[in-house]
Protein backbone atom coordinates (compact mmCIF):
# COMPACT_ATOMS: atom_id res chain seq x y z
CA MET A 1 112.65 147.82 59.12
CA GLY A 2 114.32 147.27 62.49
CA LYS A 3 110.97 147.03 64.28
CA ILE A 4 109.74 144.33 61.87
CA LEU A 5 112.94 142.31 62.36
CA LEU A 6 112.63 142.60 66.15
CA LEU A 7 108.99 141.48 65.97
CA ILE A 8 109.94 138.43 63.88
CA ILE A 9 112.71 137.45 66.33
CA ILE A 10 110.38 137.80 69.33
CA SER A 11 107.74 135.73 67.53
CA LEU A 12 110.25 132.94 66.82
CA VAL A 13 111.39 132.88 70.45
CA VAL A 14 107.80 132.66 71.72
CA TYR A 15 107.03 129.91 69.17
CA ALA A 16 110.11 127.91 70.30
CA MET A 17 109.13 128.25 73.96
CA ILE A 18 105.55 127.08 73.30
CA ARG A 19 106.77 124.12 71.25
CA ASN A 20 109.25 123.13 73.96
CA TYR A 21 106.51 123.30 76.59
CA GLN A 22 104.20 121.10 74.50
CA ARG A 23 106.97 118.50 74.10
CA SER A 24 107.53 118.42 77.85
CA LEU A 25 103.84 117.70 78.44
CA ASN A 26 104.03 114.58 76.24
CA LYS A 27 106.96 113.08 78.14
CA PRO A 28 106.19 110.95 81.22
CA SER A 29 107.60 112.55 84.33
CA GLY A 30 110.34 110.80 86.27
CA THR A 31 108.36 110.78 89.52
CA SER A 32 105.32 109.04 88.08
CA ARG A 33 107.31 106.09 86.71
CA GLU A 34 107.24 102.93 88.75
CA GLN A 35 110.56 102.27 90.38
CA THR A 36 111.46 98.71 91.16
CA VAL A 37 112.61 98.20 94.71
CA GLU A 38 115.10 95.44 95.29
CA ASP A 39 115.97 93.71 98.55
CA MET A 40 119.40 94.37 99.96
CA VAL A 41 121.42 91.52 101.47
CA LYS A 42 124.55 91.49 103.60
CA CYS A 43 127.74 89.64 102.64
CA ALA A 44 128.35 86.87 105.19
CA HIS A 45 132.09 87.52 105.06
CA CYS A 46 132.64 91.30 105.05
CA GLY A 47 129.16 92.61 105.93
CA VAL A 48 128.79 94.91 102.93
CA ASN A 49 125.21 95.47 101.72
CA LEU A 50 124.41 94.84 98.06
CA PRO A 51 121.33 94.20 95.90
CA ARG A 52 120.10 90.61 95.93
CA SER A 53 120.50 90.35 92.14
CA GLU A 54 124.23 91.13 92.41
CA ALA A 55 124.90 88.82 95.35
CA ILE A 56 126.25 85.27 95.16
CA TYR A 57 124.05 82.81 97.05
CA SER A 58 125.76 79.73 98.47
CA GLY A 59 125.00 77.49 101.41
CA GLY A 60 122.10 79.61 102.60
CA GLU A 61 124.23 82.77 102.76
CA PHE A 62 124.96 85.70 100.47
CA PHE A 63 128.43 86.85 99.40
CA CYS A 64 129.60 89.92 97.49
CA THR A 65 132.44 88.29 95.50
CA PRO A 66 133.56 84.78 94.54
CA GLU A 67 136.62 85.26 96.78
CA HIS A 68 134.42 85.89 99.82
CA LYS A 69 132.34 82.85 98.87
CA GLN A 70 135.50 80.72 98.97
CA LEU A 71 136.60 82.24 102.29
CA GLY A 72 133.16 81.59 103.82
CA ARG A 73 131.57 83.17 106.89
CA LYS A 74 133.88 85.39 108.94
């Protein structure tokens, strides 16, 4: 009886491992996904680098915060 129970447990573990492996094959890998690259710009006041989408553009220059925009170029 013990041998049959052990065989059933081993079979379930192998089945779970195979199923998990098959699921991982269906998922797109993280390295194959296209990653968007964004330009970095420098704050005209403090010099910190930040993504262009997060920067504040004013007067032909980029700033990191509204306060630095008000203070202007350093």
